[in-house]
N, C-alpha and C. Protein backbone atom coordinates (compact mmCIF):
# COMPACT_ATOMS: atom_id res chain seq x y z
N MET A 1 0.84 -1.18 0.00
CA MET A 1 0.00 0.00 0.00
C MET A 1 0.88 1.24 0.00
N PRO A 2 1.56 1.54 -1.11
CA PRO A 2 2.45 2.70 -1.13
C PRO A 2 1.70 4.02 -1.00
N GLN A 3 0.53 4.15 -1.63
CA GLN A 3 -0.27 5.36 -1.49
C GLN A 3 -1.17 5.19 -0.28
N HIS A 4 -1.26 6.21 0.52
CA HIS A 4 -2.10 6.09 1.70
C HIS A 4 -2.76 7.41 2.02
N GLY A 5 -3.82 7.31 2.79
CA GLY A 5 -4.50 8.47 3.32
C GLY A 5 -3.88 8.82 4.65
N PRO A 6 -4.70 9.19 5.62
CA PRO A 6 -4.18 9.57 6.93
C PRO A 6 -3.34 8.46 7.56
N LEU A 7 -2.35 8.87 8.32
CA LEU A 7 -1.57 7.88 9.06
C LEU A 7 -1.34 8.39 10.47
N TYR A 8 -1.12 7.44 11.36
CA TYR A 8 -0.83 7.76 12.75
C TYR A 8 0.43 7.01 13.13
N ARG A 9 1.43 7.72 13.64
CA ARG A 9 2.70 7.11 14.05
C ARG A 9 2.73 7.04 15.57
N LEU A 10 3.11 5.89 16.06
CA LEU A 10 3.19 5.65 17.49
C LEU A 10 4.56 5.08 17.78
N THR A 11 5.28 5.69 18.72
CA THR A 11 6.59 5.19 19.11
C THR A 11 6.48 4.65 20.53
N LEU A 12 6.81 3.39 20.69
CA LEU A 12 6.76 2.74 22.00
C LEU A 12 8.18 2.55 22.49
N THR A 13 8.40 2.77 23.76
CA THR A 13 9.70 2.53 24.35
C THR A 13 9.60 1.26 25.17
N ALA A 14 10.32 0.24 24.75
CA ALA A 14 10.33 -1.04 25.44
C ALA A 14 11.66 -1.13 26.19
N THR A 15 11.70 -0.60 27.40
CA THR A 15 12.97 -0.43 28.11
C THR A 15 13.37 -1.57 29.02
N ALA A 16 12.46 -2.46 29.36
CA ALA A 16 12.81 -3.54 30.30
C ALA A 16 13.93 -4.40 29.71
N SER A 17 14.83 -4.87 30.58
CA SER A 17 15.92 -5.71 30.09
C SER A 17 15.43 -7.12 29.77
N ASP A 18 14.38 -7.58 30.44
CA ASP A 18 13.81 -8.90 30.16
C ASP A 18 12.90 -8.78 28.94
N PRO A 19 13.19 -9.53 27.87
CA PRO A 19 12.37 -9.42 26.66
C PRO A 19 10.88 -9.65 26.89
N HIS A 20 10.54 -10.52 27.81
CA HIS A 20 9.12 -10.82 28.05
C HIS A 20 8.43 -9.73 28.86
N GLN A 21 9.20 -8.91 29.58
CA GLN A 21 8.61 -7.79 30.32
C GLN A 21 8.35 -6.60 29.39
N ARG A 22 9.01 -6.60 28.24
CA ARG A 22 8.83 -5.48 27.31
C ARG A 22 7.43 -5.42 26.73
N VAL A 23 6.69 -6.51 26.80
CA VAL A 23 5.34 -6.50 26.24
C VAL A 23 4.39 -5.62 27.03
N ALA A 24 4.82 -5.11 28.18
CA ALA A 24 3.97 -4.22 28.98
C ALA A 24 3.58 -2.96 28.21
N CYS A 25 4.37 -2.59 27.20
CA CYS A 25 4.06 -1.40 26.41
C CYS A 25 2.89 -1.63 25.45
N VAL A 26 2.49 -2.88 25.27
CA VAL A 26 1.46 -3.19 24.28
C VAL A 26 0.06 -2.74 24.72
N GLY A 27 -0.26 -2.88 26.00
CA GLY A 27 -1.59 -2.50 26.48
C GLY A 27 -1.94 -1.05 26.18
N PRO A 28 -1.10 -0.09 26.57
CA PRO A 28 -1.39 1.31 26.24
C PRO A 28 -1.43 1.55 24.73
N ALA A 29 -0.58 0.88 23.98
CA ALA A 29 -0.57 1.04 22.52
C ALA A 29 -1.88 0.54 21.91
N ARG A 30 -2.39 -0.56 22.43
CA ARG A 30 -3.65 -1.11 21.95
C ARG A 30 -4.77 -0.08 22.13
N LYS A 31 -4.76 0.62 23.26
CA LYS A 31 -5.78 1.65 23.52
C LYS A 31 -5.66 2.81 22.53
N VAL A 32 -4.43 3.18 22.20
CA VAL A 32 -4.22 4.28 21.25
C VAL A 32 -4.72 3.86 19.87
N VAL A 33 -4.37 2.64 19.44
CA VAL A 33 -4.82 2.15 18.13
C VAL A 33 -6.35 2.15 18.08
N HIS A 34 -6.98 1.67 19.13
CA HIS A 34 -8.44 1.64 19.19
C HIS A 34 -9.01 3.06 19.09
N SER A 35 -8.43 3.99 19.83
CA SER A 35 -8.91 5.36 19.83
C SER A 35 -8.76 6.02 18.46
N VAL A 36 -7.60 5.87 17.85
CA VAL A 36 -7.36 6.49 16.53
C VAL A 36 -8.30 5.88 15.49
N ALA A 37 -8.39 4.56 15.47
CA ALA A 37 -9.24 3.88 14.48
C ALA A 37 -10.71 4.26 14.67
N THR A 38 -11.14 4.38 15.92
CA THR A 38 -12.52 4.81 16.20
C THR A 38 -12.73 6.24 15.68
N GLY A 39 -11.74 7.09 15.90
CA GLY A 39 -11.82 8.46 15.40
C GLY A 39 -11.90 8.53 13.88
N TRP A 40 -11.31 7.55 13.21
CA TRP A 40 -11.37 7.49 11.75
C TRP A 40 -12.73 6.98 11.27
N GLY A 41 -13.49 6.37 12.18
CA GLY A 41 -14.80 5.86 11.78
C GLY A 41 -14.90 4.35 11.75
N LEU A 42 -13.86 3.64 12.15
CA LEU A 42 -13.94 2.19 12.19
C LEU A 42 -14.76 1.76 13.40
N ASP A 43 -15.50 0.70 13.24
CA ASP A 43 -16.25 0.15 14.36
C ASP A 43 -16.54 -1.32 14.11
N GLY A 44 -17.20 -1.95 15.05
CA GLY A 44 -17.62 -3.33 14.90
C GLY A 44 -16.47 -4.31 14.74
N THR A 45 -16.71 -5.31 13.92
CA THR A 45 -15.77 -6.41 13.74
C THR A 45 -14.43 -5.93 13.18
N VAL A 46 -14.46 -5.02 12.22
CA VAL A 46 -13.19 -4.59 11.63
C VAL A 46 -12.33 -3.86 12.66
N LEU A 47 -12.95 -3.11 13.55
CA LEU A 47 -12.20 -2.44 14.61
C LEU A 47 -11.60 -3.48 15.56
N ASP A 48 -12.41 -4.46 15.96
CA ASP A 48 -11.91 -5.53 16.83
C ASP A 48 -10.77 -6.29 16.18
N ASP A 49 -10.92 -6.61 14.89
CA ASP A 49 -9.88 -7.34 14.16
C ASP A 49 -8.59 -6.53 14.07
N LEU A 50 -8.72 -5.23 13.78
CA LEU A 50 -7.54 -4.36 13.69
C LEU A 50 -6.80 -4.31 15.02
N VAL A 51 -7.52 -4.13 16.11
CA VAL A 51 -6.88 -4.05 17.42
C VAL A 51 -6.21 -5.38 17.76
N ALA A 52 -6.84 -6.50 17.43
CA ALA A 52 -6.24 -7.81 17.69
C ALA A 52 -4.96 -8.00 16.87
N VAL A 53 -5.00 -7.62 15.60
CA VAL A 53 -3.81 -7.75 14.73
C VAL A 53 -2.70 -6.83 15.22
N ALA A 54 -3.03 -5.58 15.55
CA ALA A 54 -2.02 -4.65 16.04
C ALA A 54 -1.39 -5.17 17.33
N SER A 55 -2.21 -5.69 18.23
CA SER A 55 -1.70 -6.23 19.49
C SER A 55 -0.72 -7.37 19.23
N GLU A 56 -1.09 -8.26 18.34
CA GLU A 56 -0.22 -9.41 18.05
C GLU A 56 1.11 -8.97 17.43
N LEU A 57 1.05 -8.04 16.49
CA LEU A 57 2.30 -7.59 15.86
C LEU A 57 3.19 -6.86 16.87
N LEU A 58 2.58 -6.11 17.79
CA LEU A 58 3.36 -5.42 18.82
C LEU A 58 3.93 -6.40 19.84
N VAL A 59 3.14 -7.39 20.23
CA VAL A 59 3.64 -8.42 21.16
C VAL A 59 4.83 -9.15 20.54
N ASN A 60 4.75 -9.41 19.24
CA ASN A 60 5.88 -10.07 18.57
C ASN A 60 7.09 -9.16 18.47
N ALA A 61 6.87 -7.85 18.30
CA ALA A 61 7.98 -6.92 18.13
C ALA A 61 8.69 -6.62 19.45
N ALA A 62 7.96 -6.59 20.56
CA ALA A 62 8.54 -6.17 21.84
C ALA A 62 9.78 -6.96 22.26
N PRO A 63 9.78 -8.28 22.20
CA PRO A 63 11.00 -9.00 22.62
C PRO A 63 12.21 -8.72 21.72
N HIS A 64 11.96 -8.32 20.46
CA HIS A 64 13.05 -8.07 19.52
C HIS A 64 13.53 -6.63 19.54
N ALA A 65 12.85 -5.79 20.29
CA ALA A 65 13.19 -4.36 20.28
C ALA A 65 14.48 -4.08 21.02
N GLY A 66 14.95 -5.03 21.84
CA GLY A 66 16.05 -4.71 22.73
C GLY A 66 15.51 -3.63 23.64
N PRO A 67 16.27 -3.15 24.56
CA PRO A 67 15.77 -2.00 25.32
C PRO A 67 15.80 -0.78 24.40
N ALA A 68 14.83 -0.67 23.53
CA ALA A 68 14.82 0.38 22.52
C ALA A 68 13.38 0.72 22.16
N LYS A 69 13.20 1.22 20.95
CA LYS A 69 11.89 1.68 20.52
C LYS A 69 11.29 0.76 19.48
N ILE A 70 9.96 0.72 19.51
CA ILE A 70 9.18 0.06 18.46
C ILE A 70 8.40 1.19 17.80
N THR A 71 8.49 1.25 16.50
CA THR A 71 7.72 2.25 15.77
C THR A 71 6.53 1.55 15.13
N ALA A 72 5.36 2.07 15.37
CA ALA A 72 4.15 1.51 14.79
C ALA A 72 3.46 2.57 13.95
N LEU A 73 2.90 2.14 12.84
CA LEU A 73 2.15 3.04 11.97
C LEU A 73 0.78 2.45 11.71
N LEU A 74 -0.22 3.30 11.76
CA LEU A 74 -1.57 2.94 11.38
C LEU A 74 -1.88 3.80 10.17
N ARG A 75 -2.17 3.17 9.03
CA ARG A 75 -2.40 3.91 7.79
C ARG A 75 -3.76 3.56 7.20
N LEU A 76 -4.43 4.55 6.71
CA LEU A 76 -5.66 4.33 5.96
C LEU A 76 -5.30 4.41 4.49
N GLY A 77 -5.78 3.46 3.70
CA GLY A 77 -5.49 3.45 2.27
C GLY A 77 -6.03 4.71 1.60
N ALA A 78 -5.39 5.09 0.51
CA ALA A 78 -5.78 6.32 -0.20
C ALA A 78 -7.24 6.30 -0.63
N ALA A 79 -7.75 5.12 -0.98
CA ALA A 79 -9.16 5.01 -1.40
C ALA A 79 -10.09 4.83 -0.21
N GLY A 80 -9.53 4.70 1.00
CA GLY A 80 -10.34 4.53 2.19
C GLY A 80 -10.93 3.15 2.34
N ASP A 81 -10.44 2.19 1.53
CA ASP A 81 -11.04 0.85 1.53
C ASP A 81 -10.25 -0.19 2.32
N ARG A 82 -9.12 0.23 2.89
CA ARG A 82 -8.32 -0.69 3.70
C ARG A 82 -7.52 0.08 4.73
N VAL A 83 -7.13 -0.64 5.76
CA VAL A 83 -6.30 -0.06 6.81
C VAL A 83 -5.10 -0.98 6.99
N ARG A 84 -3.95 -0.38 7.26
CA ARG A 84 -2.71 -1.14 7.39
C ARG A 84 -2.06 -0.78 8.72
N PHE A 85 -1.58 -1.80 9.42
CA PHE A 85 -0.84 -1.59 10.66
C PHE A 85 0.56 -2.14 10.45
N GLU A 86 1.57 -1.38 10.88
CA GLU A 86 2.97 -1.80 10.75
C GLU A 86 3.65 -1.69 12.10
N ALA A 87 4.51 -2.64 12.40
CA ALA A 87 5.33 -2.59 13.61
C ALA A 87 6.78 -2.83 13.19
N GLU A 88 7.65 -1.89 13.55
CA GLU A 88 9.07 -1.99 13.19
C GLU A 88 9.90 -2.20 14.45
N ASP A 89 10.77 -3.20 14.41
CA ASP A 89 11.67 -3.44 15.54
C ASP A 89 13.08 -3.68 15.02
N GLN A 90 14.01 -3.91 15.93
CA GLN A 90 15.42 -4.07 15.56
C GLN A 90 15.82 -5.53 15.36
N GLY A 91 14.89 -6.46 15.46
CA GLY A 91 15.21 -7.87 15.24
C GLY A 91 15.40 -8.15 13.76
N ALA A 92 16.39 -8.96 13.45
CA ALA A 92 16.68 -9.26 12.05
C ALA A 92 15.86 -10.44 11.51
N ALA A 93 15.46 -11.36 12.38
CA ALA A 93 14.74 -12.55 11.93
C ALA A 93 13.33 -12.18 11.47
N LEU A 94 13.01 -12.59 10.24
CA LEU A 94 11.68 -12.33 9.72
C LEU A 94 10.71 -13.34 10.32
N PRO A 95 9.48 -12.92 10.59
CA PRO A 95 8.51 -13.83 11.23
C PRO A 95 8.07 -14.93 10.27
N ARG A 96 7.68 -16.04 10.85
CA ARG A 96 7.14 -17.13 10.05
C ARG A 96 6.14 -17.88 10.91
N ILE A 97 5.20 -18.49 10.23
CA ILE A 97 4.23 -19.31 10.94
C ILE A 97 4.90 -20.64 11.24
N VAL A 98 4.80 -21.06 12.49
CA VAL A 98 5.45 -22.29 12.93
C VAL A 98 4.61 -23.48 12.49
N ALA A 99 5.28 -24.46 11.87
CA ALA A 99 4.58 -25.67 11.43
C ALA A 99 4.26 -26.56 12.63
N GLY A 100 3.24 -27.39 12.50
CA GLY A 100 2.91 -28.36 13.54
C GLY A 100 2.29 -27.75 14.76
N LEU A 101 1.39 -26.80 14.57
CA LEU A 101 0.80 -26.14 15.73
C LEU A 101 -0.35 -26.93 16.34
N GLY A 102 -0.52 -28.18 15.97
CA GLY A 102 -1.57 -28.99 16.57
C GLY A 102 -1.26 -29.35 18.01
N ASP A 103 -0.04 -29.07 18.44
CA ASP A 103 0.37 -29.38 19.80
C ASP A 103 -0.31 -28.44 20.77
N ASP A 104 -1.16 -28.99 21.64
CA ASP A 104 -1.88 -28.16 22.61
C ASP A 104 -0.95 -27.54 23.65
N GLN A 105 0.27 -28.02 23.75
CA GLN A 105 1.21 -27.51 24.74
C GLN A 105 2.04 -26.35 24.20
N ALA A 106 1.96 -26.08 22.91
CA ALA A 106 2.76 -25.00 22.31
C ALA A 106 2.33 -23.66 22.90
N VAL A 107 3.31 -22.83 23.26
CA VAL A 107 3.00 -21.52 23.83
C VAL A 107 3.37 -20.38 22.91
N ALA A 108 4.00 -20.68 21.80
CA ALA A 108 4.41 -19.61 20.88
C ALA A 108 4.09 -20.03 19.45
N GLY A 109 3.97 -19.03 18.59
CA GLY A 109 3.79 -19.30 17.17
C GLY A 109 2.37 -19.26 16.68
N ARG A 110 1.41 -19.14 17.56
CA ARG A 110 0.01 -19.16 17.13
C ARG A 110 -0.51 -17.79 16.70
N GLY A 111 0.12 -16.75 17.16
CA GLY A 111 -0.37 -15.40 16.88
C GLY A 111 -0.41 -15.06 15.40
N LEU A 112 0.58 -15.49 14.66
CA LEU A 112 0.60 -15.17 13.23
C LEU A 112 -0.50 -15.92 12.49
N LEU A 113 -0.93 -17.07 13.02
CA LEU A 113 -2.09 -17.75 12.43
C LEU A 113 -3.33 -16.85 12.55
N MET A 114 -3.46 -16.20 13.70
CA MET A 114 -4.58 -15.29 13.91
C MET A 114 -4.46 -14.10 12.94
N VAL A 115 -3.26 -13.53 12.83
CA VAL A 115 -3.04 -12.41 11.91
C VAL A 115 -3.41 -12.83 10.49
N GLU A 116 -2.96 -14.01 10.10
CA GLU A 116 -3.26 -14.51 8.76
C GLU A 116 -4.76 -14.68 8.54
N ALA A 117 -5.47 -15.10 9.57
CA ALA A 117 -6.92 -15.31 9.45
C ALA A 117 -7.69 -13.99 9.40
N LEU A 118 -7.23 -12.99 10.13
CA LEU A 118 -7.97 -11.72 10.22
C LEU A 118 -7.61 -10.73 9.12
N ALA A 119 -6.36 -10.76 8.66
CA ALA A 119 -5.90 -9.77 7.68
C ALA A 119 -6.15 -10.27 6.25
N GLU A 120 -6.38 -9.32 5.37
CA GLU A 120 -6.50 -9.67 3.96
C GLU A 120 -5.14 -10.14 3.43
N ARG A 121 -4.10 -9.49 3.91
CA ARG A 121 -2.73 -9.91 3.59
C ARG A 121 -1.81 -9.37 4.67
N TRP A 122 -0.68 -10.03 4.83
CA TRP A 122 0.32 -9.60 5.80
C TRP A 122 1.69 -10.01 5.28
N GLY A 123 2.73 -9.42 5.85
CA GLY A 123 4.08 -9.76 5.43
C GLY A 123 5.10 -9.03 6.28
N SER A 124 6.33 -9.13 5.84
CA SER A 124 7.42 -8.45 6.54
C SER A 124 8.46 -8.01 5.53
N ASP A 125 9.15 -6.95 5.88
CA ASP A 125 10.18 -6.39 5.02
C ASP A 125 11.40 -6.06 5.87
N PRO A 126 12.59 -6.51 5.45
CA PRO A 126 13.79 -6.12 6.21
C PRO A 126 14.05 -4.63 6.03
N THR A 127 14.61 -4.02 7.08
CA THR A 127 15.04 -2.63 7.00
C THR A 127 16.54 -2.63 7.27
N GLY A 128 17.15 -1.49 7.23
CA GLY A 128 18.58 -1.42 7.52
C GLY A 128 18.92 -1.74 8.96
N THR A 129 17.93 -1.61 9.85
CA THR A 129 18.19 -1.82 11.27
C THR A 129 17.33 -2.91 11.90
N GLY A 130 16.56 -3.62 11.12
CA GLY A 130 15.69 -4.66 11.66
C GLY A 130 14.67 -5.07 10.63
N LYS A 131 13.38 -4.96 10.99
CA LYS A 131 12.32 -5.36 10.08
C LYS A 131 11.04 -4.60 10.38
N VAL A 132 10.16 -4.58 9.41
CA VAL A 132 8.79 -4.08 9.56
C VAL A 132 7.87 -5.26 9.27
N VAL A 133 6.95 -5.52 10.18
CA VAL A 133 5.93 -6.54 9.97
C VAL A 133 4.62 -5.79 9.83
N TRP A 134 3.83 -6.12 8.81
CA TRP A 134 2.63 -5.36 8.52
C TRP A 134 1.45 -6.29 8.22
N ALA A 135 0.27 -5.73 8.35
CA ALA A 135 -0.95 -6.44 7.99
C ALA A 135 -1.96 -5.44 7.46
N GLU A 136 -2.70 -5.85 6.44
CA GLU A 136 -3.74 -5.00 5.86
C GLU A 136 -5.10 -5.67 6.03
N LEU A 137 -6.07 -4.86 6.42
CA LEU A 137 -7.44 -5.34 6.57
C LEU A 137 -8.33 -4.56 5.61
N ALA A 138 -9.19 -5.27 4.91
CA ALA A 138 -10.15 -4.62 4.02
C ALA A 138 -11.29 -4.04 4.86
N LEU A 139 -11.77 -2.88 4.46
CA LEU A 139 -12.89 -2.26 5.16
C LEU A 139 -14.18 -2.56 4.40
N PRO A 140 -15.22 -3.00 5.10
CA PRO A 140 -16.47 -3.34 4.41
C PRO A 140 -17.14 -2.13 3.77
N VAL A 141 -16.94 -0.97 4.38
CA VAL A 141 -17.48 0.28 3.84
C VAL A 141 -16.33 1.27 3.78
N PRO A 142 -15.96 1.75 2.59
CA PRO A 142 -14.85 2.70 2.49
C PRO A 142 -15.08 3.97 3.31
N LEU A 143 -13.99 4.49 3.85
CA LEU A 143 -14.03 5.75 4.60
C LEU A 143 -13.60 6.88 3.69
N ASP A 144 -13.74 8.11 4.15
CA ASP A 144 -13.40 9.30 3.37
C ASP A 144 -12.08 9.88 3.88
N PRO A 145 -10.92 9.47 3.27
CA PRO A 145 -9.62 9.94 3.77
C PRO A 145 -9.46 11.45 3.87
N PRO A 146 -9.89 12.26 2.88
CA PRO A 146 -9.73 13.71 3.04
C PRO A 146 -10.50 14.26 4.25
N ALA A 147 -11.70 13.76 4.50
CA ALA A 147 -12.48 14.23 5.64
C ALA A 147 -11.80 13.82 6.95
N ILE A 148 -11.26 12.61 6.98
CA ILE A 148 -10.56 12.14 8.18
C ILE A 148 -9.31 12.97 8.43
N ALA A 149 -8.56 13.27 7.36
CA ALA A 149 -7.35 14.09 7.49
C ALA A 149 -7.70 15.49 8.00
N ALA A 150 -8.77 16.05 7.50
CA ALA A 150 -9.18 17.39 7.96
C ALA A 150 -9.57 17.37 9.43
N ARG A 151 -10.32 16.34 9.85
CA ARG A 151 -10.69 16.22 11.27
C ARG A 151 -9.45 16.05 12.13
N ALA A 152 -8.49 15.28 11.65
CA ALA A 152 -7.26 15.05 12.42
C ALA A 152 -6.47 16.35 12.58
N ARG A 153 -6.36 17.14 11.50
CA ARG A 153 -5.65 18.42 11.58
C ARG A 153 -6.35 19.35 12.57
N GLU A 154 -7.67 19.38 12.51
CA GLU A 154 -8.45 20.22 13.42
C GLU A 154 -8.25 19.77 14.87
N ALA A 155 -8.29 18.48 15.11
CA ALA A 155 -8.12 17.95 16.47
C ALA A 155 -6.71 18.24 16.98
N THR A 156 -5.71 18.12 16.11
CA THR A 156 -4.33 18.39 16.50
C THR A 156 -4.17 19.87 16.85
N ALA A 157 -4.72 20.74 16.03
CA ALA A 157 -4.63 22.17 16.31
C ALA A 157 -5.31 22.51 17.63
N ARG A 158 -6.49 21.92 17.86
CA ARG A 158 -7.21 22.16 19.12
C ARG A 158 -6.39 21.65 20.30
N SER A 159 -5.81 20.47 20.15
CA SER A 159 -5.01 19.87 21.22
C SER A 159 -3.76 20.73 21.50
N ASP A 160 -3.10 21.18 20.44
CA ASP A 160 -1.91 22.03 20.61
C ASP A 160 -2.27 23.33 21.32
N TYR A 161 -3.41 23.92 20.95
CA TYR A 161 -3.84 25.16 21.58
C TYR A 161 -4.14 24.94 23.06
N MET A 162 -4.84 23.83 23.37
CA MET A 162 -5.18 23.54 24.76
C MET A 162 -3.92 23.26 25.59
N ARG A 163 -2.96 22.54 25.00
CA ARG A 163 -1.70 22.26 25.70
C ARG A 163 -0.94 23.56 25.95
N ALA A 164 -0.90 24.43 24.95
CA ALA A 164 -0.22 25.71 25.11
C ALA A 164 -0.92 26.56 26.16
N ALA A 165 -2.25 26.55 26.15
CA ALA A 165 -3.01 27.33 27.13
C ALA A 165 -2.74 26.83 28.54
N SER A 166 -2.62 25.51 28.71
CA SER A 166 -2.38 24.96 30.05
C SER A 166 -0.99 25.33 30.55
N MET A 167 -0.07 25.64 29.63
CA MET A 167 1.28 26.04 30.03
C MET A 167 1.42 27.56 30.07
N GLY A 168 0.32 28.26 29.79
CA GLY A 168 0.36 29.72 29.81
C GLY A 168 1.03 30.32 28.60
N THR A 169 1.13 29.56 27.51
CA THR A 169 1.81 30.06 26.32
C THR A 169 0.87 30.12 25.12
N ALA A 170 -0.42 30.08 25.36
CA ALA A 170 -1.37 30.12 24.25
C ALA A 170 -1.26 31.47 23.53
N PRO A 171 -1.48 31.46 22.24
CA PRO A 171 -1.46 32.74 21.52
C PRO A 171 -2.53 33.67 22.06
N ARG A 172 -2.15 34.92 22.21
CA ARG A 172 -3.12 35.91 22.69
C ARG A 172 -3.86 36.49 21.51
N ARG A 173 -5.11 36.76 21.73
CA ARG A 173 -5.90 37.43 20.70
C ARG A 173 -5.66 38.94 20.84
N ILE A 174 -5.17 39.54 19.79
CA ILE A 174 -4.90 40.97 19.80
C ILE A 174 -5.95 41.65 18.95
N PRO A 175 -6.70 42.54 19.56
CA PRO A 175 -7.76 43.21 18.78
C PRO A 175 -7.15 44.06 17.67
N ILE A 176 -7.81 44.07 16.55
CA ILE A 176 -7.36 44.88 15.43
C ILE A 176 -8.13 46.20 15.48
N VAL A 177 -7.37 47.28 15.57
CA VAL A 177 -7.96 48.61 15.63
C VAL A 177 -7.77 49.24 14.27
N PRO A 178 -8.87 49.63 13.60
CA PRO A 178 -8.74 50.24 12.29
C PRO A 178 -7.83 51.47 12.34
N GLY A 179 -6.89 51.54 11.41
CA GLY A 179 -6.00 52.69 11.32
C GLY A 179 -4.78 52.58 12.21
N ALA A 180 -4.73 51.60 13.10
CA ALA A 180 -3.56 51.46 13.99
C ALA A 180 -2.45 50.73 13.24
N ARG A 181 -1.22 51.05 13.61
CA ARG A 181 -0.07 50.39 13.00
C ARG A 181 0.48 49.35 13.96
N ARG A 182 0.94 48.26 13.40
CA ARG A 182 1.53 47.21 14.23
C ARG A 182 2.93 47.57 14.65
N ALA A 183 3.26 47.25 15.89
CA ALA A 183 4.64 47.45 16.35
C ALA A 183 5.48 46.33 15.75
N ARG A 184 6.69 46.68 15.37
CA ARG A 184 7.57 45.66 14.78
C ARG A 184 8.79 45.48 15.61
């Protein structure tokens, strides 16, 4: 999906030295993905599927992040008919579905089966510093990317203004007096 509509970038810091403790960053990230996707207009099964796929890709990325960052992207397709989630980590090994998962005692390797079942397509691409694992989900009803982008810009501007106001640095409204000259 080289062409895309709105996107949301999320950077997670997985600082724990124990790889399995690094997954603690996934819970808050899952909430952010849910919130952004809901704001875009996703709901129902596709929203649930997206959050499940994002969670799985982040859980897989966390142990490979080292005490470092995971970069995640949520992208809406340019036509508004699909959504893509990407998780980038510093691990070099590309993911694969583990064969022989009929073993009820297996504790790893099942998540990508879920991703494969929920996503229209998924894959991974090596980067210079690790890999990006991605999944795309088709949307049953296309969304309007320009309208979503406009709402996002408006929300960001409102948020920036409120943050500045809370710090006492909000722009002041200066009345315009006809015939007055501005000080320079």
